[in-house]
């Protein structure tokens, strides 16, 4: 799996993106298949060029940060959480308090799952450790599942 830089190290254009109603990050992935048969991670907003046109001229694509491909799903989740936090959790009303709590719980759960993957890796190759790694890794989208090939074990 390719390594993806964190938002602060090259995806600065992403921070300028405003929340729009009904937008989902998964809608920005083209529905085609890549050369390995897995879903393509090519950014649909900029068609892989890394730039989008505006009235002021071309700028870095806000969805991929100018890379042309979407980053790892965990980075997309964190970007979306930051967008929601910035737009909805800054006021002092009860709903924003609930949003901040929910975001803290989401981050805590994702951190715990990452710790579980790490501990299961250290635990060796037992059936329980493999199942823990697979289940937590699947929840965090740490790997892409490939379709089974007929006749393979």
C-alpha atoms as a PDB file:
ATOM      1  CA  UNK A   1       0.000   0.000   0.000  1.00  0.00           C
ATOM      2  CA  UNK A   2       1.484   3.411  -0.916  1.00  0.00           C
ATOM      3  CA  UNK A   3       2.390   5.777   1.879  1.00  0.00           C
ATOM      4  CA  UNK A   4       0.318   8.946   2.020  1.00  0.00           C
ATOM      5  CA  UNK A   5       1.560  12.204   3.508  1.00  0.00           C
ATOM      6  CA  UNK A   6      -0.535  13.676   6.336  1.00  0.00           C
ATOM      7  CA  UNK A   7      -2.643  16.752   5.552  1.00  0.00           C
ATOM      8  CA  UNK A   8      -0.106  19.181   6.996  1.00  0.00           C
ATOM      9  CA  UNK A   9       2.663  17.853   4.746  1.00  0.00           C
ATOM     10  CA  UNK A  10       1.303  18.512   1.300  1.00  0.00           C
ATOM     11  CA  UNK A  11      -2.464  18.610   1.343  1.00  0.00           C
ATOM     12  CA  UNK A  12      -2.780  22.257   2.353  1.00  0.00           C
ATOM     13  CA  UNK A  13      -5.344  22.951  -0.366  1.00  0.00           C
ATOM     14  CA  UNK A  14      -7.696  20.556   1.386  1.00  0.00           C
ATOM     15  CA  UNK A  15      -7.970  22.880   4.373  1.00  0.00           C
ATOM     16  CA  UNK A  16      -9.606  25.531   2.188  1.00  0.00           C
ATOM     17  CA  UNK A  17     -12.514  23.308   1.203  1.00  0.00           C
ATOM     18  CA  UNK A  18     -15.850  24.400   2.604  1.00  0.00           C
ATOM     19  CA  UNK A  19     -18.518  21.945   3.682  1.00  0.00           C
ATOM     20  CA  UNK A  20     -21.295  21.576   1.185  1.00  0.00           C
ATOM     21  CA  UNK A  21     -24.563  19.882   2.014  1.00  0.00           C
ATOM     22  CA  UNK A  22     -24.807  16.292   0.853  1.00  0.00           C
ATOM     23  CA  UNK A  23     -21.151  15.966  -0.154  1.00  0.00           C
ATOM     24  CA  UNK A  24     -19.456  12.679   0.572  1.00  0.00           C
ATOM     25  CA  UNK A  25     -15.823  11.840   0.042  1.00  0.00           C
ATOM     26  CA  UNK A  26     -16.735   8.461  -1.418  1.00  0.00           C
ATOM     27  CA  UNK A  27     -18.583  10.291  -4.207  1.00  0.00           C
ATOM     28  CA  UNK A  28     -15.255  11.695  -5.366  1.00  0.00           C
ATOM     29  CA  UNK A  29     -13.864   8.299  -6.352  1.00  0.00           C
ATOM     30  CA  UNK A  30     -14.387   7.297  -9.935  1.00  0.00           C
ATOM     31  CA  UNK A  31     -16.376   4.108 -10.324  1.00  0.00           C
ATOM     32  CA  UNK A  32     -13.818   2.519 -12.644  1.00  0.00           C
ATOM     33  CA  UNK A  33     -11.304  -0.157 -11.792  1.00  0.00           C
ATOM     34  CA  UNK A  34      -7.572   0.345 -11.620  1.00  0.00           C
ATOM     35  CA  UNK A  35      -4.985  -1.891 -13.318  1.00  0.00           C
ATOM     36  CA  UNK A  36      -4.963  -4.275 -10.327  1.00  0.00           C
ATOM     37  CA  UNK A  37      -8.743  -4.782 -10.498  1.00  0.00           C
ATOM     38  CA  UNK A  38      -9.375  -2.746  -7.335  1.00  0.00           C
ATOM     39  CA  UNK A  39     -11.487   0.404  -7.329  1.00  0.00           C
ATOM     40  CA  UNK A  40      -9.578   3.383  -8.708  1.00  0.00           C
ATOM     41  CA  UNK A  41      -8.584   6.091  -6.211  1.00  0.00           C
ATOM     42  CA  UNK A  42      -8.299   8.700  -8.959  1.00  0.00           C
ATOM     43  CA  UNK A  43      -9.883  11.964  -7.830  1.00  0.00           C
ATOM     44  CA  UNK A  44     -13.086  12.575  -9.734  1.00  0.00           C
ATOM     45  CA  UNK A  45     -13.201  16.292  -8.886  1.00  0.00           C
ATOM     46  CA  UNK A  46     -10.058  17.105 -10.879  1.00  0.00           C
ATOM     47  CA  UNK A  47      -9.950  13.959 -13.082  1.00  0.00           C
ATOM     48  CA  UNK A  48      -6.501  13.174 -11.723  1.00  0.00           C
ATOM     49  CA  UNK A  49      -4.870  16.454 -12.771  1.00  0.00           C
ATOM     50  CA  UNK A  50      -4.608  17.851  -9.229  1.00  0.00           C
ATOM     51  CA  UNK A  51      -6.053  21.218 -10.280  1.00  0.00           C
ATOM     52  CA  UNK A  52      -9.514  22.662 -10.653  1.00  0.00           C
ATOM     53  CA  UNK A  53     -10.441  25.783 -12.522  1.00  0.00           C
ATOM     54  CA  UNK A  54     -11.833  28.811 -10.723  1.00  0.00           C
ATOM     55  CA  UNK A  55     -12.576  32.384 -11.706  1.00  0.00           C
ATOM     56  CA  UNK A  56      -9.128  33.298 -10.384  1.00  0.00           C
ATOM     57  CA  UNK A  57      -7.418  30.561 -12.424  1.00  0.00           C
ATOM     58  CA  UNK A  58      -6.360  27.000 -11.628  1.00  0.00           C
ATOM     59  CA  UNK A  59      -5.921  26.063  -7.958  1.00  0.00           C
ATOM     60  CA  UNK A  60      -5.054  22.853  -6.127  1.00  0.00           C
ATOM     61  CA  UNK A  61      -7.999  20.475  -6.014  1.00  0.00           C
ATOM     62  CA  UNK A  62      -9.614  20.725  -2.559  1.00  0.00           C
ATOM     63  CA  UNK A  63     -10.543  17.021  -2.501  1.00  0.00           C
ATOM     64  CA  UNK A  64      -7.126  15.512  -3.238  1.00  0.00           C
ATOM     65  CA  UNK A  65      -4.921  18.441  -2.221  1.00  0.00           C
ATOM     66  CA  UNK A  66      -3.360  18.639  -5.676  1.00  0.00           C
ATOM     67  CA  UNK A  67      -2.148  15.025  -5.728  1.00  0.00           C
ATOM     68  CA  UNK A  68      -4.623  13.795  -8.361  1.00  0.00           C
ATOM     69  CA  UNK A  69      -5.449  10.715  -6.312  1.00  0.00           C
ATOM     70  CA  UNK A  70      -7.409  10.505  -3.104  1.00  0.00           C
ATOM     71  CA  UNK A  71      -5.408   9.775   0.053  1.00  0.00           C
ATOM     72  CA  UNK A  72      -5.942   6.796   2.319  1.00  0.00           C
ATOM     73  CA  UNK A  73      -9.523   6.480   3.641  1.00  0.00           C
ATOM     74  CA  UNK A  74      -8.406   7.225   7.209  1.00  0.00           C
ATOM     75  CA  UNK A  75      -7.042  10.588   6.026  1.00  0.00           C
ATOM     76  CA  UNK A  76     -10.365  11.294   4.291  1.00  0.00           C
ATOM     77  CA  UNK A  77     -12.229  10.474   7.528  1.00  0.00           C
ATOM     78  CA  UNK A  78     -10.043  12.865   9.505  1.00  0.00           C
ATOM     79  CA  UNK A  79     -10.471  15.613   6.879  1.00  0.00           C
ATOM     80  CA  UNK A  80     -14.250  15.209   6.994  1.00  0.00           C
ATOM     81  CA  UNK A  81     -14.266  15.253  10.803  1.00  0.00           C
ATOM     82  CA  UNK A  82     -12.200  18.459  10.781  1.00  0.00           C
ATOM     83  CA  UNK A  83     -14.598  20.019   8.266  1.00  0.00           C
ATOM     84  CA  UNK A  84     -17.593  19.159  10.458  1.00  0.00           C
ATOM     85  CA  UNK A  85     -15.778  20.334  13.569  1.00  0.00           C
ATOM     86  CA  UNK A  86     -14.834  23.636  11.966  1.00  0.00           C
ATOM     87  CA  UNK A  87     -18.295  24.313  10.537  1.00  0.00           C
ATOM     88  CA  UNK A  88     -20.630  22.926  13.188  1.00  0.00           C
ATOM     89  CA  UNK A  89     -18.866  22.501  16.522  1.00  0.00           C
ATOM     90  CA  UNK A  90     -17.584  26.030  17.072  1.00  0.00           C
ATOM     91  CA  UNK A  91     -20.708  27.642  18.484  1.00  0.00           C
ATOM     92  CA  UNK A  92     -21.749  27.329  22.118  1.00  0.00           C
ATOM     93  CA  UNK A  93     -25.129  25.622  21.723  1.00  0.00           C
ATOM     94  CA  UNK A  94     -26.061  22.110  22.870  1.00  0.00           C
ATOM     95  CA  UNK A  95     -25.781  20.590  19.382  1.00  0.00           C
ATOM     96  CA  UNK A  96     -22.188  21.776  18.953  1.00  0.00           C
ATOM     97  CA  UNK A  97     -21.340  20.340  22.363  1.00  0.00           C
ATOM     98  CA  UNK A  98     -22.791  16.994  21.251  1.00  0.00           C
ATOM     99  CA  UNK A  99     -20.822  17.162  17.989  1.00  0.00           C
ATOM    100  CA  UNK A 100     -17.566  17.807  19.841  1.00  0.00           C
ATOM    101  CA  UNK A 101     -18.292  14.851  22.138  1.00  0.00           C
ATOM    102  CA  UNK A 102     -19.103  12.587  19.191  1.00  0.00           C
ATOM    103  CA  UNK A 103     -15.919  13.632  17.355  1.00  0.00           C
ATOM    104  CA  UNK A 104     -13.853  12.919  20.480  1.00  0.00           C
ATOM    105  CA  UNK A 105     -15.474   9.472  20.757  1.00  0.00           C
ATOM    106  CA  UNK A 106     -14.802   8.744  17.075  1.00  0.00           C
ATOM    107  CA  UNK A 107     -11.136   9.675  17.424  1.00  0.00           C
ATOM    108  CA  UNK A 108     -10.827   7.658  20.642  1.00  0.00           C
ATOM    109  CA  UNK A 109     -12.368   4.580  18.990  1.00  0.00           C
ATOM    110  CA  UNK A 110     -10.101   4.869  15.935  1.00  0.00           C
ATOM    111  CA  UNK A 111      -7.055   5.208  18.189  1.00  0.00           C
ATOM    112  CA  UNK A 112      -8.138   2.120  20.160  1.00  0.00           C
ATOM    113  CA  UNK A 113      -8.587   0.115  16.946  1.00  0.00           C
ATOM    114  CA  UNK A 114      -5.124   1.149  15.782  1.00  0.00           C
ATOM    115  CA  UNK A 115      -3.720  -0.017  19.135  1.00  0.00           C
ATOM    116  CA  UNK A 116      -5.566  -3.336  18.766  1.00  0.00           C
ATOM    117  CA  UNK A 117      -4.014  -3.876  15.315  1.00  0.00           C
ATOM    118  CA  UNK A 118      -0.580  -3.163  16.767  1.00  0.00           C
ATOM    119  CA  UNK A 119      -1.065  -5.491  19.750  1.00  0.00           C
ATOM    120  CA  UNK A 120      -2.436  -8.253  17.509  1.00  0.00           C
ATOM    121  CA  UNK A 121       0.641  -7.895  15.287  1.00  0.00           C
ATOM    122  CA  UNK A 122       2.871  -8.337  18.340  1.00  0.00           C
ATOM    123  CA  UNK A 123       0.801 -11.339  19.510  1.00  0.00           C
ATOM    124  CA  UNK A 124       2.065 -13.548  16.705  1.00  0.00           C
ATOM    125  CA  UNK A 125       0.244 -15.627  14.156  1.00  0.00           C
ATOM    126  CA  UNK A 126      -2.482 -17.310  16.189  1.00  0.00           C
ATOM    127  CA  UNK A 127      -5.997 -17.539  14.806  1.00  0.00           C
ATOM    128  CA  UNK A 128      -7.259 -15.008  17.372  1.00  0.00           C
ATOM    129  CA  UNK A 129      -4.506 -12.505  16.501  1.00  0.00           C
ATOM    130  CA  UNK A 130      -5.220 -12.890  12.771  1.00  0.00           C
ATOM    131  CA  UNK A 131      -8.943 -12.315  13.319  1.00  0.00           C
ATOM    132  CA  UNK A 132      -8.254  -9.262  15.515  1.00  0.00           C
ATOM    133  CA  UNK A 133      -5.905  -7.780  12.887  1.00  0.00           C
ATOM    134  CA  UNK A 134      -8.404  -8.438  10.119  1.00  0.00           C
ATOM    135  CA  UNK A 135     -11.453  -7.077  11.966  1.00  0.00           C
ATOM    136  CA  UNK A 136      -9.765  -3.926  13.288  1.00  0.00           C
ATOM    137  CA  UNK A 137      -7.935  -3.369   9.981  1.00  0.00           C
ATOM    138  CA  UNK A 138     -11.189  -3.701   8.065  1.00  0.00           C
ATOM    139  CA  UNK A 139     -12.915  -1.180  10.361  1.00  0.00           C
ATOM    140  CA  UNK A 140     -10.041   1.289   9.866  1.00  0.00           C
ATOM    141  CA  UNK A 141      -9.792   0.485   6.128  1.00  0.00           C
ATOM    142  CA  UNK A 142      -6.079  -0.259   6.536  1.00  0.00           C
ATOM    143  CA  UNK A 143      -6.114  -2.545   3.501  1.00  0.00           C
ATOM    144  CA  UNK A 144      -8.227  -3.130   0.430  1.00  0.00           C
ATOM    145  CA  UNK A 145      -9.924  -6.480   0.092  1.00  0.00           C
ATOM    146  CA  UNK A 146      -9.308  -8.170  -3.226  1.00  0.00           C
ATOM    147  CA  UNK A 147     -12.005 -10.341  -4.782  1.00  0.00           C
ATOM    148  CA  UNK A 148     -11.346 -14.066  -4.424  1.00  0.00           C
ATOM    149  CA  UNK A 149     -10.112 -15.793  -7.552  1.00  0.00           C
ATOM    150  CA  UNK A 150     -11.929 -19.003  -8.439  1.00  0.00           C
ATOM    151  CA  UNK A 151      -9.827 -22.061  -7.681  1.00  0.00           C
ATOM    152  CA  UNK A 152      -7.408 -20.322  -5.269  1.00  0.00           C
ATOM    153  CA  UNK A 153      -7.086 -21.620  -1.669  1.00  0.00           C
END
